[in-house]
């Protein structure tokens, strides 16, 4: 479960980072 949460967080951050650029 921890891995899934971590992966979700990374994906979310990636989307935000792509939107910022």
C-alpha atoms as a PDB file:
ATOM      1  CA  UNK A   1       0.000   0.000   0.000  1.00  0.00           C
ATOM      2  CA  UNK A   2       2.861   2.368   0.801  1.00  0.00           C
ATOM      3  CA  UNK A   3       4.369   1.814  -2.652  1.00  0.00           C
ATOM      4  CA  UNK A   4       1.045   2.629  -4.315  1.00  0.00           C
ATOM      5  CA  UNK A   5       0.735   5.879  -2.342  1.00  0.00           C
ATOM      6  CA  UNK A   6       4.309   6.831  -3.202  1.00  0.00           C
ATOM      7  CA  UNK A   7       3.729   6.104  -6.892  1.00  0.00           C
ATOM      8  CA  UNK A   8       0.521   8.178  -6.814  1.00  0.00           C
ATOM      9  CA  UNK A   9       2.363  11.084  -5.199  1.00  0.00           C
ATOM     10  CA  UNK A  10       5.161  10.956  -7.790  1.00  0.00           C
ATOM     11  CA  UNK A  11       2.625  10.879 -10.640  1.00  0.00           C
ATOM     12  CA  UNK A  12       0.748  13.842  -9.156  1.00  0.00           C
ATOM     13  CA  UNK A  13       3.972  15.844  -8.762  1.00  0.00           C
ATOM     14  CA  UNK A  14       4.958  14.968 -12.333  1.00  0.00           C
ATOM     15  CA  UNK A  15       1.661  16.312 -13.685  1.00  0.00           C
ATOM     16  CA  UNK A  16       2.024  19.526 -11.646  1.00  0.00           C
ATOM     17  CA  UNK A  17       5.631  19.944 -12.813  1.00  0.00           C
ATOM     18  CA  UNK A  18       4.625  19.489 -16.468  1.00  0.00           C
ATOM     19  CA  UNK A  19       1.846  22.065 -16.059  1.00  0.00           C
ATOM     20  CA  UNK A  20       4.263  24.592 -14.560  1.00  0.00           C
ATOM     21  CA  UNK A  21       6.678  24.371 -17.478  1.00  0.00           C
END
